[in-house]
Amino acid sequence: MTAHTNPTGHTSLLVPGDLFARHQTIAGLRALADFLEANPAVPVNEYGREYNVYTRVEDEAAAVAMVDQVAALLGAEVIDKRADGGHYSAEKTFGRITYGIVHVPKRRQDEYDAYTSYRHNIRLDPDQNNGEDGDKGRAA
């Protein structure tokens, strides 16, 4: 493993698999840019796109530190909505492309999991509605 030092003074350990994914992502972005430039008839999203990366560490403090570190590299402010049940994130826009790093706190993830825990128990009838207003589905 290689330790990478950045201008913030923090070091992060790079995992070999991450290096491969990083290389493929960068190469893919460059190939897409070249393709779009060479093919002006191919449409692009008028409002740009977002490229969000989510922290993958279990430790809350380490995830927050990762967002802080990337925010410093981006020269971006951290957006902390944890007090309102939200995320901890930072983003920077490059032209019409926005790069963002997001930490979803464990409590927020647990709330989402609870909220969606019944999703597999709801099934819509195949002939739902039949041209009539009324119930559109039922519990399985």
C-alpha atoms as a PDB file:
ATOM      1  CA  MET A   1       0.000   0.000   0.000  1.00  0.00           C
ATOM      2  CA  THR A   2       1.149   3.498  -0.751  1.00  0.00           C
ATOM      3  CA  ALA A   3       0.635   6.486   1.507  1.00  0.00           C
ATOM      4  CA  HIS A   4      -0.407   9.569  -0.416  1.00  0.00           C
ATOM      5  CA  THR A   5       0.327  12.970   1.067  1.00  0.00           C
ATOM      6  CA  ASN A   6      -1.841  15.900   0.100  1.00  0.00           C
ATOM      7  CA  PRO A   7      -1.555  19.652   0.682  1.00  0.00           C
ATOM      8  CA  THR A   8      -3.712  19.470   3.835  1.00  0.00           C
ATOM      9  CA  GLY A   9      -1.044  17.441   5.597  1.00  0.00           C
ATOM     10  CA  HIS A  10      -3.325  14.403   5.908  1.00  0.00           C
ATOM     11  CA  THR A  11      -2.290  11.067   4.519  1.00  0.00           C
ATOM     12  CA  SER A  12      -4.613   8.439   3.142  1.00  0.00           C
ATOM     13  CA  LEU A  13      -3.845   4.837   2.363  1.00  0.00           C
ATOM     14  CA  LEU A  14      -4.552   3.792  -1.198  1.00  0.00           C
ATOM     15  CA  VAL A  15      -5.839   0.291  -1.740  1.00  0.00           C
ATOM     16  CA  PRO A  16      -4.587  -1.402  -4.939  1.00  0.00           C
ATOM     17  CA  GLY A  17      -8.165  -2.119  -6.101  1.00  0.00           C
ATOM     18  CA  ASP A  18      -8.966   1.556  -5.618  1.00  0.00           C
ATOM     19  CA  LEU A  19      -6.052   2.484  -7.893  1.00  0.00           C
ATOM     20  CA  PHE A  20      -7.503   0.310 -10.662  1.00  0.00           C
ATOM     21  CA  ALA A  21     -10.992   1.800 -10.225  1.00  0.00           C
ATOM     22  CA  ARG A  22      -9.480   5.291 -10.146  1.00  0.00           C
ATOM     23  CA  HIS A  23      -7.532   4.655 -13.360  1.00  0.00           C
ATOM     24  CA  GLN A  24     -10.616   3.260 -15.119  1.00  0.00           C
ATOM     25  CA  THR A  25     -12.761   6.204 -13.988  1.00  0.00           C
ATOM     26  CA  ILE A  26     -10.264   8.817 -15.176  1.00  0.00           C
ATOM     27  CA  ALA A  27      -9.728   7.017 -18.493  1.00  0.00           C
ATOM     28  CA  GLY A  28     -13.481   6.700 -18.966  1.00  0.00           C
ATOM     29  CA  LEU A  29     -14.092  10.389 -18.296  1.00  0.00           C
ATOM     30  CA  ARG A  30     -11.369  11.358 -20.777  1.00  0.00           C
ATOM     31  CA  ALA A  31     -12.749   8.960 -23.400  1.00  0.00           C
ATOM     32  CA  LEU A  32     -16.258  10.362 -22.923  1.00  0.00           C
ATOM     33  CA  ALA A  33     -14.992  13.944 -23.247  1.00  0.00           C
ATOM     34  CA  ASP A  34     -13.081  13.029 -26.435  1.00  0.00           C
ATOM     35  CA  PHE A  35     -16.155  11.267 -27.865  1.00  0.00           C
ATOM     36  CA  LEU A  36     -18.462  14.209 -27.125  1.00  0.00           C
ATOM     37  CA  GLU A  37     -15.980  16.672 -28.589  1.00  0.00           C
ATOM     38  CA  ALA A  38     -15.598  14.574 -31.760  1.00  0.00           C
ATOM     39  CA  ASN A  39     -19.364  14.060 -32.139  1.00  0.00           C
ATOM     40  CA  PRO A  40     -21.128  17.410 -31.759  1.00  0.00           C
ATOM     41  CA  ALA A  41     -24.447  15.875 -32.913  1.00  0.00           C
ATOM     42  CA  VAL A  42     -24.589  13.719 -29.763  1.00  0.00           C
ATOM     43  CA  PRO A  43     -26.670  15.560 -27.141  1.00  0.00           C
ATOM     44  CA  VAL A  44     -25.456  16.342 -23.647  1.00  0.00           C
ATOM     45  CA  ASN A  45     -27.411  17.184 -20.531  1.00  0.00           C
ATOM     46  CA  GLU A  46     -28.120  20.910 -20.734  1.00  0.00           C
ATOM     47  CA  TYR A  47     -27.686  21.347 -16.997  1.00  0.00           C
ATOM     48  CA  GLY A  48     -24.594  19.201 -16.581  1.00  0.00           C
ATOM     49  CA  ARG A  49     -24.124  16.187 -14.357  1.00  0.00           C
ATOM     50  CA  GLU A  50     -23.086  15.260 -10.864  1.00  0.00           C
ATOM     51  CA  TYR A  51     -20.362  12.799  -9.982  1.00  0.00           C
ATOM     52  CA  ASN A  52     -20.940  11.845  -6.364  1.00  0.00           C
ATOM     53  CA  VAL A  53     -18.701   9.612  -4.294  1.00  0.00           C
ATOM     54  CA  TYR A  54     -19.985   8.162  -1.032  1.00  0.00           C
ATOM     55  CA  THR A  55     -17.705   7.387   1.879  1.00  0.00           C
ATOM     56  CA  ARG A  56     -17.311   3.652   2.413  1.00  0.00           C
ATOM     57  CA  VAL A  57     -15.875   3.617   5.913  1.00  0.00           C
ATOM     58  CA  GLU A  58     -17.890   2.312   8.847  1.00  0.00           C
ATOM     59  CA  ASP A  59     -16.327   4.677  11.381  1.00  0.00           C
ATOM     60  CA  GLU A  60     -18.294   7.951  11.521  1.00  0.00           C
ATOM     61  CA  ALA A  61     -15.276  10.032  12.555  1.00  0.00           C
ATOM     62  CA  ALA A  62     -13.155   8.600   9.726  1.00  0.00           C
ATOM     63  CA  ALA A  63     -15.928   9.280   7.195  1.00  0.00           C
ATOM     64  CA  VAL A  64     -16.253  12.887   8.373  1.00  0.00           C
ATOM     65  CA  ALA A  65     -12.463  13.279   8.215  1.00  0.00           C
ATOM     66  CA  MET A  66     -12.494  11.964   4.639  1.00  0.00           C
ATOM     67  CA  VAL A  67     -15.102  14.538   3.606  1.00  0.00           C
ATOM     68  CA  ASP A  68     -13.102  17.265   5.370  1.00  0.00           C
ATOM     69  CA  GLN A  69      -9.925  16.175   3.572  1.00  0.00           C
ATOM     70  CA  VAL A  70     -11.551  16.162   0.127  1.00  0.00           C
ATOM     71  CA  ALA A  71     -13.273  19.494   0.833  1.00  0.00           C
ATOM     72  CA  ALA A  72      -9.866  21.024   1.602  1.00  0.00           C
ATOM     73  CA  LEU A  73      -8.441  19.638  -1.661  1.00  0.00           C
ATOM     74  CA  LEU A  74     -11.434  20.996  -3.581  1.00  0.00           C
ATOM     75  CA  GLY A  75     -11.292  24.353  -1.811  1.00  0.00           C
ATOM     76  CA  ALA A  76     -14.953  23.803  -0.957  1.00  0.00           C
ATOM     77  CA  GLU A  77     -17.076  24.352   2.121  1.00  0.00           C
ATOM     78  CA  VAL A  78     -18.407  21.388   4.044  1.00  0.00           C
ATOM     79  CA  ILE A  79     -22.195  21.165   4.146  1.00  0.00           C
ATOM     80  CA  ASP A  80     -23.238  19.658   7.477  1.00  0.00           C
ATOM     81  CA  LYS A  81     -26.921  18.750   7.641  1.00  0.00           C
ATOM     82  CA  ARG A  82     -26.546  16.006  10.242  1.00  0.00           C
ATOM     83  CA  ALA A  83     -28.407  17.997  12.898  1.00  0.00           C
ATOM     84  CA  ASP A  84     -31.458  17.950  10.605  1.00  0.00           C
ATOM     85  CA  GLY A  85     -31.112  14.235   9.807  1.00  0.00           C
ATOM     86  CA  GLY A  86     -29.151  14.888   6.629  1.00  0.00           C
ATOM     87  CA  HIS A  87     -25.730  14.204   5.198  1.00  0.00           C
ATOM     88  CA  TYR A  88     -22.207  15.559   5.615  1.00  0.00           C
ATOM     89  CA  SER A  89     -20.824  16.580   2.235  1.00  0.00           C
ATOM     90  CA  ALA A  90     -18.749  18.873   0.047  1.00  0.00           C
ATOM     91  CA  GLU A  91     -18.860  19.628  -3.653  1.00  0.00           C
ATOM     92  CA  LYS A  92     -17.212  21.666  -6.354  1.00  0.00           C
ATOM     93  CA  THR A  93     -18.425  22.441  -9.850  1.00  0.00           C
ATOM     94  CA  PHE A  94     -16.103  22.184 -12.838  1.00  0.00           C
ATOM     95  CA  GLY A  95     -17.928  23.812 -15.736  1.00  0.00           C
ATOM     96  CA  ARG A  96     -21.248  21.974 -15.702  1.00  0.00           C
ATOM     97  CA  ILE A  97     -19.925  18.911 -13.922  1.00  0.00           C
ATOM     98  CA  THR A  98     -20.136  18.791 -10.135  1.00  0.00           C
ATOM     99  CA  TYR A  99     -17.918  16.510  -8.075  1.00  0.00           C
ATOM    100  CA  GLY A 100     -19.270  15.742  -4.635  1.00  0.00           C
ATOM    101  CA  ILE A 101     -18.254  13.615  -1.685  1.00  0.00           C
ATOM    102  CA  VAL A 102     -21.017  12.532   0.668  1.00  0.00           C
ATOM    103  CA  HIS A 103     -21.122  10.832   4.048  1.00  0.00           C
ATOM    104  CA  VAL A 104     -24.493   9.343   4.996  1.00  0.00           C
ATOM    105  CA  PRO A 105     -24.512   9.067   8.803  1.00  0.00           C
ATOM    106  CA  LYS A 106     -25.397   5.642  10.191  1.00  0.00           C
ATOM    107  CA  ARG A 107     -28.510   7.038  11.872  1.00  0.00           C
ATOM    108  CA  ARG A 108     -29.773   8.409   8.538  1.00  0.00           C
ATOM    109  CA  GLN A 109     -29.049   5.101   6.784  1.00  0.00           C
ATOM    110  CA  ASP A 110     -30.877   3.204   9.548  1.00  0.00           C
ATOM    111  CA  GLU A 111     -33.886   5.543   9.203  1.00  0.00           C
ATOM    112  CA  TYR A 112     -33.949   4.986   5.443  1.00  0.00           C
ATOM    113  CA  ASP A 113     -33.700   1.218   5.863  1.00  0.00           C
ATOM    114  CA  ALA A 114     -36.614   1.279   8.317  1.00  0.00           C
ATOM    115  CA  TYR A 115     -38.657   3.512   6.011  1.00  0.00           C
ATOM    116  CA  THR A 116     -38.203   1.147   3.072  1.00  0.00           C
ATOM    117  CA  SER A 117     -38.406  -2.121   5.034  1.00  0.00           C
ATOM    118  CA  TYR A 118     -41.916  -2.907   3.758  1.00  0.00           C
ATOM    119  CA  ARG A 119     -41.242  -2.151   0.084  1.00  0.00           C
ATOM    120  CA  HIS A 120     -41.182  -5.845  -0.862  1.00  0.00           C
ATOM    121  CA  ASN A 121     -44.618  -6.401   0.717  1.00  0.00           C
ATOM    122  CA  ILE A 122     -46.494  -3.986  -1.555  1.00  0.00           C
ATOM    123  CA  ARG A 123     -47.604  -5.296  -4.948  1.00  0.00           C
ATOM    124  CA  LEU A 124     -49.770  -3.541  -7.509  1.00  0.00           C
ATOM    125  CA  ASP A 125     -52.591  -5.542  -9.042  1.00  0.00           C
ATOM    126  CA  PRO A 126     -51.825  -6.402 -12.692  1.00  0.00           C
ATOM    127  CA  ASP A 127     -55.133  -4.863 -13.757  1.00  0.00           C
ATOM    128  CA  GLN A 128     -54.904  -1.931 -11.372  1.00  0.00           C
ATOM    129  CA  ASN A 129     -57.401   0.802 -12.014  1.00  0.00           C
ATOM    130  CA  ASN A 130     -59.132  -0.688 -15.127  1.00  0.00           C
ATOM    131  CA  GLY A 131     -60.113   2.833 -16.092  1.00  0.00           C
ATOM    132  CA  GLU A 132     -61.688   3.515 -12.695  1.00  0.00           C
ATOM    133  CA  ASP A 133     -60.428   5.702  -9.912  1.00  0.00           C
ATOM    134  CA  GLY A 134     -59.906   4.031  -6.598  1.00  0.00           C
ATOM    135  CA  ASP A 135     -57.395   1.797  -4.884  1.00  0.00           C
ATOM    136  CA  LYS A 136     -54.271   1.377  -6.970  1.00  0.00           C
ATOM    137  CA  GLY A 137     -52.640  -1.373  -5.008  1.00  0.00           C
ATOM    138  CA  ARG A 138     -52.871  -3.629  -2.009  1.00  0.00           C
ATOM    139  CA  ALA A 139     -50.665  -5.191   0.570  1.00  0.00           C
ATOM    140  CA  ALA A 140     -49.368  -8.610  -0.430  1.00  0.00           C
END
